Protein backbone atom coordinates (compact mmCIF):
# COMPACT_ATOMS: atom_id res chain seq x y z
CA UNK A 1 -0.22 -0.23 0.16
CA UNK A 2 1.48 2.95 -0.63
CA UNK A 3 0.53 6.67 0.85
CA UNK A 4 1.10 9.67 -0.67
CA UNK A 5 0.72 12.59 2.09
CA UNK A 6 0.62 16.50 0.34
CA UNK A 7 0.60 20.00 1.92
CA UNK A 8 3.24 19.55 5.40
CA UNK A 9 1.25 16.97 6.91
CA UNK A 10 2.39 16.56 10.85
CA UNK A 11 4.49 13.67 10.80
CA UNK A 12 2.38 11.71 13.38
CA UNK A 13 0.43 11.16 10.34
CA UNK A 14 3.47 9.38 8.46
CA UNK A 15 4.31 7.54 11.58
CA UNK A 16 0.93 6.10 11.84
CA UNK A 17 1.02 4.51 8.44
CA UNK A 18 4.78 3.84 8.91
CA UNK A 19 3.91 1.84 11.91
CA UNK A 20 1.32 -0.41 9.87
CA UNK A 21 3.39 -1.50 6.83
CA UNK A 22 2.27 1.05 4.56
CA UNK A 23 4.95 2.76 2.51
CA UNK A 24 4.63 6.64 2.39
CA UNK A 25 6.27 9.52 0.14
CA UNK A 26 5.15 12.97 2.40
CA UNK A 27 6.12 16.20 0.76
CA UNK A 28 5.75 19.79 2.21
CA UNK A 29 3.84 21.54 -1.00
CA UNK A 30 0.62 20.55 -3.07
CA UNK A 31 0.88 19.43 -6.68
CA UNK A 32 -1.05 20.87 -9.50
CA UNK A 33 -3.28 19.07 -11.31
CA UNK A 34 -0.84 17.69 -13.93
CA UNK A 35 2.21 16.88 -11.41
CA UNK A 36 -0.52 15.00 -9.51
CA UNK A 37 -2.24 13.46 -12.42
CA UNK A 38 1.17 11.52 -13.10
CA UNK A 39 2.03 11.02 -9.52
CA UNK A 40 -1.29 9.32 -8.28
CA UNK A 41 -1.40 6.45 -10.67
CA UNK A 42 0.21 3.86 -7.83
CA UNK A 43 -1.36 5.09 -4.88
CA UNK A 44 -3.49 4.37 -2.95
CA UNK A 45 -4.13 6.44 -0.08
CA UNK A 46 -3.95 10.44 -0.62
CA UNK A 47 -3.47 12.84 2.05
CA UNK A 48 -4.11 16.27 1.49
CA UNK A 49 -5.07 20.23 3.27
CA UNK A 50 -7.00 22.95 1.80
CA UNK A 51 -4.80 24.08 -1.15
CA UNK A 52 -4.38 20.74 -3.35
CA UNK A 53 -7.32 20.25 -6.10
CA UNK A 54 -8.80 17.01 -6.19
CA UNK A 55 -10.26 16.97 -9.48
CA UNK A 56 -11.66 14.89 -12.55
CA UNK A 57 -8.67 14.61 -14.31
CA UNK A 58 -6.38 13.84 -11.00
CA UNK A 59 -8.98 10.97 -10.24
CA UNK A 60 -9.15 9.44 -14.36
CA UNK A 61 -5.36 8.86 -13.45
CA UNK A 62 -6.08 7.45 -9.85
CA UNK A 63 -6.13 3.92 -11.00
CA UNK A 64 -5.49 2.62 -7.79
CA UNK A 65 -6.51 4.59 -5.23
CA UNK A 66 -9.01 3.94 -2.43
CA UNK A 67 -9.24 6.38 0.51
CA UNK A 68 -8.59 10.54 0.74
CA UNK A 69 -7.47 11.82 3.80
CA UNK A 70 -8.75 15.67 4.01
CA UNK A 71 -6.46 16.98 6.86
CA UNK A 72 -8.81 20.11 7.73
CA UNK A 73 -12.57 20.86 7.64
CA UNK A 74 -13.30 21.13 4.49
CA UNK A 75 -13.27 18.85 1.32
CA UNK A 76 -14.99 21.59 -1.34
CA UNK A 77 -11.41 20.93 -2.56
CA UNK A 78 -11.98 17.51 -3.79
CA UNK A 79 -14.37 16.44 -6.67
CA UNK A 80 -16.78 13.76 -4.51
CA UNK A 81 -19.30 12.58 -6.98
CA UNK A 82 -16.28 11.42 -9.53
CA UNK A 83 -14.85 10.11 -6.03
CA UNK A 84 -18.23 8.45 -5.69
CA UNK A 85 -18.39 6.70 -9.08
CA UNK A 86 -14.64 5.18 -8.80
CA UNK A 87 -15.56 3.56 -4.94
CA UNK A 88 -12.95 6.15 -3.44
CA UNK A 89 -13.90 6.89 0.28
CA UNK A 90 -13.16 10.32 1.42
CA UNK A 91 -12.18 10.97 5.32
CA UNK A 92 -12.06 14.58 6.96
CA UNK A 93 -11.28 15.88 10.39
CA UNK A 94 -14.73 17.91 11.09
CA UNK A 95 -14.01 18.21 14.85
CA UNK A 96 -10.00 17.97 15.05
CA UNK A 97 -9.30 22.07 14.92
CA UNK A 98 -12.53 23.35 16.57
CA UNK A 99 -11.12 24.91 19.38
CA UNK A 100 -8.40 26.77 17.35
CA UNK A 101 -10.83 28.09 14.98
CA UNK A 102 -12.60 29.18 18.16
CA UNK A 103 -9.90 30.57 20.26
CA UNK A 104 -9.03 32.87 17.20
CA UNK A 105 -12.03 34.32 17.02
CA UNK A 106 -12.45 35.38 20.62
CA UNK A 107 -8.63 36.53 19.99
CA UNK A 108 -9.81 38.14 17.02
CA UNK A 109 -12.93 40.21 18.57
CA UNK A 110 -11.42 41.67 21.67
CA UNK A 111 -8.43 42.60 19.20
CA UNK A 112 -10.68 44.67 17.11
CA UNK A 113 -13.12 45.63 19.49
CA UNK A 114 -10.55 47.52 21.46
CA UNK A 115 -8.37 48.89 18.18
CA UNK A 116 -5.32 46.55 19.50
CA UNK A 117 -4.16 45.89 16.23
CA UNK A 118 -4.03 49.25 14.67
CA UNK A 119 -2.53 50.76 17.57
CA UNK A 120 0.30 48.08 17.87
CA UNK A 121 0.73 48.93 14.61
CA UNK A 122 1.48 52.54 14.63
CA UNK A 123 3.44 51.73 17.95
CA UNK A 124 6.01 49.67 15.59
CA UNK A 125 6.12 53.22 13.65
CA UNK A 126 7.13 55.14 16.64
CA UNK A 127 3.13 55.86 17.09
CA UNK A 128 2.03 56.64 20.94
CA UNK A 129 -1.74 56.47 20.27
CA UNK A 130 -2.92 55.95 23.99
CA UNK A 131 -6.77 56.41 23.67
CA UNK A 132 -10.02 55.12 25.11
CA UNK A 133 -11.74 56.18 21.86
CA UNK A 134 -13.48 53.86 19.75
CA UNK A 135 -12.07 50.87 22.31
CA UNK A 136 -14.52 48.55 23.59
CA UNK A 137 -15.55 45.91 26.09
CA UNK A 138 -16.83 42.97 24.50
CA UNK A 139 -18.70 42.36 28.04
CA UNK A 140 -22.41 43.34 27.16
CA UNK A 141 -22.04 43.61 23.40
CA UNK A 142 -24.22 41.24 21.11
CA UNK A 143 -22.51 38.25 18.98
CA UNK A 144 -23.93 37.15 15.79
CA UNK A 145 -23.23 33.96 14.70
CA UNK A 146 -23.94 32.85 11.26
CA UNK A 147 -23.97 29.07 11.01
CA UNK A 148 -24.49 27.11 14.18
CA UNK A 149 -22.21 24.01 13.60
CA UNK A 150 -19.24 22.18 15.44
CA UNK A 151 -17.35 25.62 15.36
CA UNK A 152 -20.42 27.99 15.66
CA UNK A 153 -22.10 26.14 18.65
CA UNK A 154 -18.35 26.10 20.97
CA UNK A 155 -17.81 30.19 20.02
CA UNK A 156 -21.22 30.52 21.47
CA UNK A 157 -20.07 28.98 24.47
CA UNK A 158 -16.92 30.60 25.23
CA UNK A 159 -18.30 34.22 24.21
CA UNK A 160 -21.21 33.76 26.78
CA UNK A 161 -18.38 33.06 29.57
CA UNK A 162 -17.44 36.41 28.27
CA UNK A 163 -20.34 38.23 28.93
CA UNK A 164 -21.65 38.24 25.20
CA UNK A 165 -25.24 37.61 24.35
CA UNK A 166 -25.51 35.63 21.52
CA UNK A 167 -27.58 35.00 18.70
CA UNK A 168 -27.54 32.77 16.00
CA UNK A 169 -28.78 31.65 12.67
CA UNK A 170 -28.48 28.10 10.80
CA UNK A 171 -30.15 26.36 7.58
CA UNK A 172 -31.34 23.70 9.99
CA UNK A 173 -32.75 23.53 13.20
CA UNK A 174 -30.43 23.29 16.00
CA UNK A 175 -30.70 23.44 20.26
CA UNK A 176 -29.23 26.44 21.36
CA UNK A 177 -26.39 26.34 23.90
CA UNK A 178 -26.48 28.24 26.91
CA UNK A 179 -28.59 31.25 26.79
CA UNK A 180 -28.16 31.48 23.00
CA UNK A 181 -31.16 32.94 20.81
CA UNK A 182 -32.08 31.06 17.68
CA UNK A 183 -33.04 33.69 15.21
CA UNK A 184 -35.37 32.91 12.78
CA UNK A 185 -33.72 34.43 9.78
CA UNK A 186 -29.74 35.51 9.05
CA UNK A 187 -31.39 39.49 8.57
CA UNK A 188 -32.53 38.99 12.27
CA UNK A 189 -28.68 38.31 13.42
CA UNK A 190 -27.57 40.92 11.20
CA UNK A 191 -29.85 43.78 12.44
CA UNK A 192 -29.05 42.57 16.54
CA UNK A 193 -25.32 42.17 16.17
CA UNK A 194 -22.17 44.20 17.22
CA UNK A 195 -20.46 41.66 16.47
CA UNK A 196 -21.20 39.06 13.10
CA UNK A 197 -18.97 35.84 12.82
CA UNK A 198 -19.90 33.60 9.69
CA UNK A 199 -18.92 29.44 9.77
CA UNK A 200 -20.45 28.13 6.98
CA UNK A 201 -19.08 25.36 4.61
CA UNK A 202 -17.76 26.18 0.96
CA UNK A 203 -21.03 24.64 -0.99
CA UNK A 204 -21.83 26.89 -3.93
CA UNK A 205 -24.77 27.79 -2.53
CA UNK A 206 -23.05 29.83 -0.24
CA UNK A 207 -21.28 31.92 -2.61
CA UNK A 208 -21.31 35.77 -1.70
CA UNK A 209 -23.48 34.36 1.37
CA UNK A 210 -22.64 38.06 3.05
CA UNK A 211 -22.66 41.13 0.06
CA UNK A 212 -23.76 44.61 0.02
CA UNK A 213 -27.14 44.32 0.86
CA UNK A 214 -26.17 42.58 3.89
CA UNK A 215 -23.47 45.09 5.16
CA UNK A 216 -26.53 47.69 4.73
CA UNK A 217 -28.87 45.57 7.15
CA UNK A 218 -25.93 45.37 9.57
CA UNK A 219 -25.68 48.27 12.43
CA UNK A 220 -22.85 51.02 11.92
CA UNK A 221 -19.55 50.33 13.37
CA UNK A 222 -20.21 46.35 13.17
CA UNK A 223 -17.46 43.83 13.83
CA UNK A 224 -17.37 41.60 11.04
CA UNK A 225 -15.60 38.16 10.94
CA UNK A 226 -15.02 35.60 8.66
CA UNK A 227 -12.78 32.54 9.22
CA UNK A 228 -14.79 29.96 7.44
CA UNK A 229 -14.57 30.36 3.57
CA UNK A 230 -13.19 33.12 1.07
CA UNK A 231 -16.20 32.49 -1.12
CA UNK A 232 -18.83 33.15 1.01
CA UNK A 233 -18.11 36.98 0.96
CA UNK A 234 -17.88 39.28 -1.69
CA UNK A 235 -14.73 40.84 -0.88
CA UNK A 236 -14.65 44.00 -2.60
CA UNK A 237 -17.78 44.96 -1.20
CA UNK A 238 -16.19 44.10 2.63
CA UNK A 239 -13.34 46.53 1.40
CA UNK A 240 -15.82 49.33 0.30
CA UNK A 241 -17.93 48.99 3.64
CA UNK A 242 -14.76 49.10 5.79
CA UNK A 243 -13.26 52.27 3.72
CA UNK A 244 -16.63 54.32 4.59
CA UNK A 245 -16.62 53.67 8.47
CA UNK A 246 -19.69 51.43 8.12
CA UNK A 247 -18.22 48.51 9.68
CA UNK A 248 -15.93 48.92 12.73
CA UNK A 249 -13.15 46.26 12.12
CA UNK A 250 -12.75 43.20 10.24
CA UNK A 251 -10.80 40.01 10.82
CA UNK A 252 -10.37 37.57 7.48
CA UNK A 253 -8.22 34.07 7.42
CA UNK A 254 -9.93 33.18 4.18
CA UNK A 255 -9.61 34.34 0.90
CA UNK A 256 -11.61 33.90 -2.89
CA UNK A 257 -8.09 32.62 -4.05
CA UNK A 258 -5.34 31.64 -1.86
CA UNK A 259 -1.72 30.88 -3.24
CA UNK A 260 -0.61 27.38 -3.61
CA UNK A 261 2.95 28.22 -1.73
CA UNK A 262 3.71 30.26 1.33
CA UNK A 263 6.63 31.51 -1.12
CA UNK A 264 4.40 33.55 -3.54
CA UNK A 265 3.61 37.27 -3.09
CA UNK A 266 -0.40 37.62 -2.25
CA UNK A 267 -2.26 40.97 -2.78
CA UNK A 268 -5.92 41.41 -1.72
CA UNK A 269 -8.32 44.68 -1.99
CA UNK A 270 -8.20 44.39 2.18
CA UNK A 271 -4.58 45.47 3.00
CA UNK A 272 -3.96 48.73 4.23
CA UNK A 273 -7.59 48.69 5.44
CA UNK A 274 -7.74 50.30 9.18
CA UNK A 275 -8.73 48.13 12.09
CA UNK A 276 -8.24 44.99 9.62
CA UNK A 277 -6.79 41.50 10.92
CA UNK A 278 -5.84 39.58 8.23
CA UNK A 279 -3.99 36.14 8.28
CA UNK A 280 -3.24 33.52 6.13
CA UNK A 281 -5.47 31.02 6.44
CA UNK A 282 -3.82 29.69 9.64
CA UNK A 283 -7.45 29.75 11.95
CA UNK A 284 -7.29 26.00 12.39
CA UNK A 285 -3.54 25.81 12.51
CA UNK A 286 -1.99 25.38 15.25
CA UNK A 287 0.09 22.02 16.87
CA UNK A 288 -2.37 20.73 18.91
CA UNK A 289 -5.07 20.85 16.13
CA UNK A 290 -2.46 19.50 13.68
CA UNK A 291 -1.56 16.24 15.69
CA UNK A 292 -5.25 15.83 16.62
CA UNK A 293 -6.08 15.74 12.74
CA UNK A 294 -2.82 13.53 11.92
CA UNK A 295 -4.32 10.91 14.61
CA UNK A 296 -8.16 10.64 13.63
CA UNK A 297 -7.67 10.77 9.90
CA UNK A 298 -4.96 7.98 9.38
CA UNK A 299 -6.73 5.79 11.97
CA UNK A 300 -10.27 5.87 9.96
CA UNK A 301 -8.43 5.39 6.19
CA UNK A 302 -6.51 1.94 8.21
CA UNK A 303 -9.83 1.33 9.66
CA UNK A 304 -11.50 1.40 6.51
CA UNK A 305 -8.70 -0.67 4.52
CA UNK A 306 -8.52 -3.39 7.08
CA UNK A 307 -11.92 -4.12 7.79
CA UNK A 308 -14.16 -1.91 5.63
CA UNK A 309 -15.97 0.45 8.21
CA UNK A 310 -16.95 3.92 6.82
CA UNK A 311 -17.59 5.89 10.22
CA UNK A 312 -17.06 9.45 9.38
CA UNK A 313 -16.69 9.28 5.69
CA UNK A 314 -18.01 12.10 3.91
CA UNK A 315 -19.30 10.72 1.10
CA UNK A 316 -20.05 7.22 1.80
CA UNK A 317 -22.67 5.86 3.86
CA UNK A 318 -21.59 5.03 7.33
CA UNK A 319 -20.56 1.44 8.81
CA UNK A 320 -19.30 0.30 11.85
CA UNK A 321 -18.11 -3.52 11.05
CA UNK A 322 -17.53 -6.37 13.67
CA UNK A 323 -13.79 -8.13 13.49
CA UNK A 324 -14.59 -11.28 11.47
CA UNK A 325 -12.84 -14.68 12.67
CA UNK A 326 -11.79 -17.55 10.13
CA UNK A 327 -13.46 -16.46 7.36
CA UNK A 328 -13.37 -13.84 4.31
CA UNK A 329 -15.06 -10.20 4.29
CA UNK A 330 -16.44 -8.82 0.56
CA UNK A 331 -16.72 -5.15 0.08
CA UNK A 332 -19.31 -4.19 -2.59
CA UNK A 333 -19.52 -0.70 -3.64
CA UNK A 334 -22.24 -0.03 -6.15
CA UNK A 335 -24.87 2.59 -7.67
CA UNK A 336 -27.82 3.00 -5.65
CA UNK A 337 -30.41 1.30 -7.79
CA UNK A 338 -32.74 -1.37 -6.65
CA UNK A 339 -31.70 -5.06 -7.52
CA UNK A 340 -28.49 -5.51 -6.68
CA UNK A 341 -28.54 -7.23 -2.83
CA UNK A 342 -31.17 -9.10 -4.89
CA UNK A 343 -28.39 -10.56 -7.68
CA UNK A 344 -25.28 -10.72 -5.32
CA UNK A 345 -27.03 -12.67 -3.25
CA UNK A 346 -28.47 -14.98 -5.80
CA UNK A 347 -25.03 -15.64 -7.50
CA UNK A 348 -23.72 -16.51 -3.35
CA UNK A 349 -26.62 -18.84 -3.10
CA UNK A 350 -25.96 -20.93 -6.45
CA UNK A 351 -22.62 -21.08 -5.37
CA UNK A 352 -23.39 -22.61 -2.18
CA UNK A 353 -21.49 -19.93 -0.02
CA UNK A 354 -22.81 -19.22 3.05
CA UNK A 355 -23.48 -15.78 4.36
CA UNK A 356 -21.85 -15.31 8.17
CA UNK A 357 -22.86 -11.69 8.35
CA UNK A 358 -24.54 -9.22 5.93
CA UNK A 359 -24.15 -5.44 6.53
CA UNK A 360 -26.02 -2.89 3.80
CA UNK A 361 -26.53 1.01 4.15
CA UNK A 362 -27.38 3.30 1.23
CA UNK A 363 -27.03 7.38 0.92
CA UNK A 364 -28.34 9.13 -2.50
CA UNK A 365 -25.62 7.73 -4.71
CA UNK A 366 -23.78 4.54 -3.22
CA UNK A 367 -25.17 1.39 -2.03
CA UNK A 368 -22.61 -0.25 0.52
CA UNK A 369 -22.37 -4.25 1.09
CA UNK A 370 -20.58 -5.82 3.71
CA UNK A 371 -20.34 -9.39 2.80
CA UNK A 372 -18.68 -12.08 5.52
CA UNK A 373 -18.47 -15.90 4.16
CA UNK A 374 -16.40 -19.01 5.34
CA UNK A 375 -13.11 -19.93 4.03
CA UNK A 376 -13.87 -21.82 1.49
CA UNK A 377 -15.54 -20.59 -1.75
CA UNK A 378 -15.25 -20.19 -5.34
CA UNK A 379 -13.19 -18.40 -6.55
CA UNK A 380 -14.76 -17.62 -10.22
CA UNK A 381 -17.29 -16.19 -7.57
CA UNK A 382 -15.51 -12.75 -7.35
CA UNK A 383 -15.71 -12.32 -10.54
CA UNK A 384 -19.36 -12.66 -11.22
CA UNK A 385 -19.67 -10.01 -8.74
CA UNK A 386 -17.36 -7.75 -10.28
CA UNK A 387 -19.85 -7.74 -13.17
CA UNK A 388 -22.78 -6.91 -11.13
CA UNK A 389 -24.46 -4.16 -13.39
CA UNK A 390 -23.94 -0.97 -11.26
CA UNK A 391 -20.86 -2.45 -9.47
CA UNK A 392 -18.13 0.70 -8.90
CA UNK A 393 -15.61 -2.10 -6.90
CA UNK A 394 -15.59 -4.82 -5.25
CA UNK A 395 -12.67 -5.29 -2.50
CA UNK A 396 -11.95 -8.66 -0.81
CA UNK A 397 -10.36 -7.46 2.59
CA UNK A 398 -8.94 -10.92 3.57
């Protein structure tokens, strides 16, 4: 089994795979489409972070690829539909860097409310700006959270401990934590909040979720924070609202386009704007978070390859599977259409192969069947199962 790890993934991941007998190549940067298309041909497991794009072309060349590990939260850099059609399972780390993102959000809220970033920059240039003007405590202020998932809800708890009043909106019905209030619309949150922070994913419908219309709804002097996805904010409108004074401060960690290498010079319309904190996509980048991710993702991939379990998969139906002793495990991945189970079991029955255990789960696109059988079986059965119409991939685990 060959593993390719890109984008300087924490060494704990490489250690895990090597300890379990995998051949590992680890690179510090991402690879462009053409280079990765050539390199991926004999790779069984691919590990990436947010910069590597797993396109249809890359996947067409992934002849042996079984699993992709996204060592981050988001997976919009991966062509999931194409992975489904090739039976490639995807795992990510939706919880591992939650605390890191939340802590940066809290730190930036305090810094922007106090104006410390601008005062620090001026002092570096010899300007002593000692003033209480436009410097506020966060206690008693209203925090508006758009997206109340893992990050938004944990931020809610910590902000409330600081004395903030929390309002949130999510497209799904979410149970409020603490004294947070669930608002009926995003507009209601924007109208109420002194600080607005966005924590949604990068799905296409979230593109420009926050644009001029939303900035117009916000309070004059409101603080705005985006640590989620660069595509969700109209960055030109954001810049104009800082320049006009409509927004009192901004913190941005993600951008509509980002460089593939840290050596690349980068520019954005937000540079040199007052009370604006710009960070290079580091909200989840702490030693603790990266180590946690490097332990979580490989373990999920190993469990999938070793015994077929898909718990925490992004694109496959989630199945937790027991160990099997003195037998074989067949993994059948197919398009989710009627009749596949009947055809599979009919083949086994015709060849007098008894089923020791069988597990099926489906989602909208994929059917995932695990069948445990005895040691002795007709080897021709494997080819027959592979030839069932709508089969995506068949694996014999042991």
